Amino acid sequence: MKRIFATLSCFALVLAAQAKLNVVATLPDFGSIAEQIGGDSVKVTSIAKGTEDLHFVDARPSYIRVLNQADVLLESGAEMEIGWLPPLVNSARNSRILSDAPGHVILSRGIQLLDVPTGPVDRSMGDVHPAGNPHYWL
């Protein structure tokens, strides 16, 4: 019995080592970069389509299911997804991608954003981002 358990444990470890890393990206651009870096070792899903405005993605229940299975979440950051991503991440109940978890990657960290407002910001000013221009990948 011990041999069977040891063999099955080794087999499970080998399978786990060969399992693809499940990466969820908020944008197809970020997903494409993850695919180029990870190659055959990753399975990438992008939440928003390239034709969608990342400011206003309609949150769908299917996104919660996708995020629940994620090993890594790639988000642009700089409050770009603030209107829809945090509720989805919380509803997914996946400790690997919570905001303080190592699997939650905020891509804007370490980037000096342009157009950071120096005073108070409100909607009457138009499309002004309080943290600065989050469109750094364009």
C-alpha atoms as a PDB file:
ATOM      1  CA  MET A   1       0.000   0.000   0.000  1.00  0.00           C
ATOM      2  CA  LYS A   2       2.850   2.386   0.813  1.00  0.00           C
ATOM      3  CA  ARG A   3       4.431   1.706  -2.586  1.00  0.00           C
ATOM      4  CA  ILE A   4       1.186   2.472  -4.375  1.00  0.00           C
ATOM      5  CA  PHE A   5       0.808   5.709  -2.443  1.00  0.00           C
ATOM      6  CA  ALA A   6       4.422   6.685  -3.140  1.00  0.00           C
ATOM      7  CA  THR A   7       4.053   5.873  -6.848  1.00  0.00           C
ATOM      8  CA  LEU A   8       0.801   7.800  -7.121  1.00  0.00           C
ATOM      9  CA  SER A   9       2.361  10.731  -5.272  1.00  0.00           C
ATOM     10  CA  CYS A  10       5.303  10.799  -7.690  1.00  0.00           C
ATOM     11  CA  PHE A  11       2.938  10.550 -10.646  1.00  0.00           C
ATOM     12  CA  ALA A  12       0.863  13.450  -9.271  1.00  0.00           C
ATOM     13  CA  LEU A  13       4.005  15.552  -8.843  1.00  0.00           C
ATOM     14  CA  VAL A  14       5.071  14.876 -12.435  1.00  0.00           C
ATOM     15  CA  LEU A  15       1.616  15.809 -13.726  1.00  0.00           C
ATOM     16  CA  ALA A  16       1.578  18.951 -11.598  1.00  0.00           C
ATOM     17  CA  ALA A  17       4.983  19.949 -12.930  1.00  0.00           C
ATOM     18  CA  GLN A  18       3.690  19.531 -16.490  1.00  0.00           C
ATOM     19  CA  ALA A  19       0.420  21.402 -15.938  1.00  0.00           C
ATOM     20  CA  LYS A  20       0.109  24.662 -17.788  1.00  0.00           C
ATOM     21  CA  LEU A  21       0.080  27.887 -15.837  1.00  0.00           C
ATOM     22  CA  ASN A  22      -3.383  29.429 -16.177  1.00  0.00           C
ATOM     23  CA  VAL A  23      -2.895  33.142 -16.954  1.00  0.00           C
ATOM     24  CA  VAL A  24      -5.771  35.620 -17.203  1.00  0.00           C
ATOM     25  CA  ALA A  25      -5.074  39.017 -18.765  1.00  0.00           C
ATOM     26  CA  THR A  26      -7.395  41.992 -18.804  1.00  0.00           C
ATOM     27  CA  LEU A  27      -6.315  42.886 -22.359  1.00  0.00           C
ATOM     28  CA  PRO A  28      -5.410  40.730 -25.363  1.00  0.00           C
ATOM     29  CA  ASP A  29      -2.152  42.716 -25.679  1.00  0.00           C
ATOM     30  CA  PHE A  30      -1.062  41.524 -22.239  1.00  0.00           C
ATOM     31  CA  GLY A  31      -2.263  38.006 -23.027  1.00  0.00           C
ATOM     32  CA  SER A  32      -0.176  37.952 -26.194  1.00  0.00           C
ATOM     33  CA  ILE A  33       2.937  38.961 -24.269  1.00  0.00           C
ATOM     34  CA  ALA A  34       2.260  36.209 -21.707  1.00  0.00           C
ATOM     35  CA  GLU A  35       1.914  33.658 -24.532  1.00  0.00           C
ATOM     36  CA  GLN A  36       5.213  34.770 -26.075  1.00  0.00           C
ATOM     37  CA  ILE A  37       7.017  34.497 -22.748  1.00  0.00           C
ATOM     38  CA  GLY A  38       5.333  31.317 -21.487  1.00  0.00           C
ATOM     39  CA  GLY A  39       4.999  29.432 -24.763  1.00  0.00           C
ATOM     40  CA  ASP A  40       3.583  25.934 -24.322  1.00  0.00           C
ATOM     41  CA  SER A  41       3.787  26.240 -20.527  1.00  0.00           C
ATOM     42  CA  VAL A  42       0.863  28.666 -20.263  1.00  0.00           C
ATOM     43  CA  LYS A  43      -2.827  28.753 -21.077  1.00  0.00           C
ATOM     44  CA  VAL A  44      -3.857  32.390 -21.547  1.00  0.00           C
ATOM     45  CA  THR A  45      -7.348  33.858 -21.418  1.00  0.00           C
ATOM     46  CA  SER A  46      -8.062  37.539 -22.076  1.00  0.00           C
ATOM     47  CA  ILE A  47     -11.123  39.087 -20.478  1.00  0.00           C
ATOM     48  CA  ALA A  48     -11.612  42.146 -22.682  1.00  0.00           C
ATOM     49  CA  LYS A  49     -11.635  41.969 -26.439  1.00  0.00           C
ATOM     50  CA  GLY A  50      -9.302  44.195 -28.413  1.00  0.00           C
ATOM     51  CA  THR A  51     -12.306  46.166 -29.625  1.00  0.00           C
ATOM     52  CA  GLU A  52     -13.619  46.908 -26.109  1.00  0.00           C
ATOM     53  CA  ASP A  53     -12.924  50.018 -24.075  1.00  0.00           C
ATOM     54  CA  LEU A  54     -11.034  48.743 -21.025  1.00  0.00           C
ATOM     55  CA  HIS A  55     -12.583  51.514 -18.937  1.00  0.00           C
ATOM     56  CA  PHE A  56     -16.073  50.077 -19.431  1.00  0.00           C
ATOM     57  CA  VAL A  57     -15.943  46.291 -19.694  1.00  0.00           C
ATOM     58  CA  ASP A  58     -19.281  44.688 -18.863  1.00  0.00           C
ATOM     59  CA  ALA A  59     -18.631  42.249 -16.022  1.00  0.00           C
ATOM     60  CA  ARG A  60     -20.086  38.824 -16.800  1.00  0.00           C
ATOM     61  CA  PRO A  61     -20.524  35.783 -14.541  1.00  0.00           C
ATOM     62  CA  SER A  62     -18.314  33.787 -16.915  1.00  0.00           C
ATOM     63  CA  TYR A  63     -15.395  36.068 -15.983  1.00  0.00           C
ATOM     64  CA  ILE A  64     -15.767  35.012 -12.346  1.00  0.00           C
ATOM     65  CA  ARG A  65     -15.389  31.377 -13.392  1.00  0.00           C
ATOM     66  CA  VAL A  66     -12.302  32.216 -15.477  1.00  0.00           C
ATOM     67  CA  LEU A  67     -10.729  34.165 -12.599  1.00  0.00           C
ATOM     68  CA  ASN A  68     -11.523  31.366 -10.150  1.00  0.00           C
ATOM     69  CA  GLN A  69      -9.236  29.044 -12.134  1.00  0.00           C
ATOM     70  CA  ALA A  70      -6.417  31.581 -12.675  1.00  0.00           C
ATOM     71  CA  ASP A  71      -2.904  31.071 -11.372  1.00  0.00           C
ATOM     72  CA  VAL A  72      -1.879  34.564 -12.482  1.00  0.00           C
ATOM     73  CA  LEU A  73      -3.856  37.728 -13.240  1.00  0.00           C
ATOM     74  CA  LEU A  74      -2.287  40.432 -15.417  1.00  0.00           C
ATOM     75  CA  GLU A  75      -3.926  43.842 -15.139  1.00  0.00           C
ATOM     76  CA  SER A  76      -2.810  47.168 -16.531  1.00  0.00           C
ATOM     77  CA  GLY A  77      -3.203  48.957 -13.204  1.00  0.00           C
ATOM     78  CA  ALA A  78      -3.200  52.746 -12.719  1.00  0.00           C
ATOM     79  CA  GLU A  79      -6.916  52.394 -11.921  1.00  0.00           C
ATOM     80  CA  MET A  80      -7.704  51.433 -15.530  1.00  0.00           C
ATOM     81  CA  GLU A  81      -9.873  48.437 -14.543  1.00  0.00           C
ATOM     82  CA  ILE A  82     -11.093  49.884 -11.228  1.00  0.00           C
ATOM     83  CA  GLY A  83     -14.747  50.002 -12.275  1.00  0.00           C
ATOM     84  CA  TRP A  84     -15.143  46.298 -13.002  1.00  0.00           C
ATOM     85  CA  LEU A  85     -12.140  44.126 -12.056  1.00  0.00           C
ATOM     86  CA  PRO A  86     -12.089  44.315  -8.210  1.00  0.00           C
ATOM     87  CA  PRO A  87     -15.653  42.969  -7.801  1.00  0.00           C
ATOM     88  CA  LEU A  88     -14.875  40.118 -10.207  1.00  0.00           C
ATOM     89  CA  VAL A  89     -11.656  39.189  -8.372  1.00  0.00           C
ATOM     90  CA  ASN A  90     -13.452  39.242  -5.010  1.00  0.00           C
ATOM     91  CA  SER A  91     -16.329  37.139  -6.356  1.00  0.00           C
ATOM     92  CA  ALA A  92     -13.900  34.603  -7.847  1.00  0.00           C
ATOM     93  CA  ARG A  93     -12.686  33.663  -4.352  1.00  0.00           C
ATOM     94  CA  ASN A  94      -9.247  32.762  -5.626  1.00  0.00           C
ATOM     95  CA  SER A  95      -6.524  33.525  -3.083  1.00  0.00           C
ATOM     96  CA  ARG A  96      -3.830  33.267  -5.783  1.00  0.00           C
ATOM     97  CA  ILE A  97      -5.000  36.460  -7.500  1.00  0.00           C
ATOM     98  CA  LEU A  98      -6.218  38.675  -4.668  1.00  0.00           C
ATOM     99  CA  SER A  99      -4.813  42.212  -4.784  1.00  0.00           C
ATOM    100  CA  ASP A 100      -1.939  41.463  -2.393  1.00  0.00           C
ATOM    101  CA  ALA A 101      -1.150  37.966  -3.732  1.00  0.00           C
ATOM    102  CA  PRO A 102       1.946  37.171  -5.830  1.00  0.00           C
ATOM    103  CA  GLY A 103      -0.304  35.947  -8.651  1.00  0.00           C
ATOM    104  CA  HIS A 104      -1.895  39.390  -9.090  1.00  0.00           C
ATOM    105  CA  VAL A 105       0.474  41.280 -11.375  1.00  0.00           C
ATOM    106  CA  ILE A 106      -0.124  45.012 -11.818  1.00  0.00           C
ATOM    107  CA  LEU A 107       1.804  45.847 -14.957  1.00  0.00           C
ATOM    108  CA  SER A 108       1.945  49.612 -14.383  1.00  0.00           C
ATOM    109  CA  ARG A 109       4.068  49.223 -11.252  1.00  0.00           C
ATOM    110  CA  GLY A 110       7.491  50.657 -11.873  1.00  0.00           C
ATOM    111  CA  ILE A 111       6.324  52.772 -14.814  1.00  0.00           C
ATOM    112  CA  GLN A 112       6.389  56.549 -14.503  1.00  0.00           C
ATOM    113  CA  LEU A 113       2.975  57.494 -15.847  1.00  0.00           C
ATOM    114  CA  LEU A 114       2.457  60.656 -17.872  1.00  0.00           C
ATOM    115  CA  ASP A 115      -0.211  63.316 -17.346  1.00  0.00           C
ATOM    116  CA  VAL A 116      -0.570  62.876 -13.585  1.00  0.00           C
ATOM    117  CA  PRO A 117      -3.002  65.579 -12.382  1.00  0.00           C
ATOM    118  CA  THR A 118      -1.618  67.969  -9.789  1.00  0.00           C
ATOM    119  CA  GLY A 119      -4.948  69.009  -8.282  1.00  0.00           C
ATOM    120  CA  PRO A 120      -8.403  67.614  -7.603  1.00  0.00           C
ATOM    121  CA  VAL A 121     -10.043  65.619 -10.399  1.00  0.00           C
ATOM    122  CA  ASP A 122     -13.738  65.258 -11.195  1.00  0.00           C
ATOM    123  CA  ARG A 123     -15.897  64.036 -14.097  1.00  0.00           C
ATOM    124  CA  SER A 124     -16.488  67.567 -15.383  1.00  0.00           C
ATOM    125  CA  MET A 125     -12.851  67.520 -16.553  1.00  0.00           C
ATOM    126  CA  GLY A 126     -13.526  64.692 -19.024  1.00  0.00           C
ATOM    127  CA  ASP A 127     -11.410  61.535 -19.278  1.00  0.00           C
ATOM    128  CA  VAL A 128      -8.794  62.472 -16.695  1.00  0.00           C
ATOM    129  CA  HIS A 129      -7.109  59.635 -14.818  1.00  0.00           C
ATOM    130  CA  PRO A 130      -6.250  60.456 -11.178  1.00  0.00           C
ATOM    131  CA  ALA A 131      -3.207  58.145 -11.201  1.00  0.00           C
ATOM    132  CA  GLY A 132      -1.952  59.418 -14.565  1.00  0.00           C
ATOM    133  CA  ASN A 133      -2.368  58.195 -18.124  1.00  0.00           C
ATOM    134  CA  PRO A 134      -2.761  54.400 -17.897  1.00  0.00           C
ATOM    135  CA  HIS A 135      -2.352  53.866 -21.656  1.00  0.00           C
ATOM    136  CA  TYR A 136       1.392  53.193 -21.366  1.00  0.00           C
ATOM    137  CA  TRP A 137       1.428  50.212 -23.746  1.00  0.00           C
ATOM    138  CA  LEU A 138       0.177  52.182 -26.781  1.00  0.00           C
END
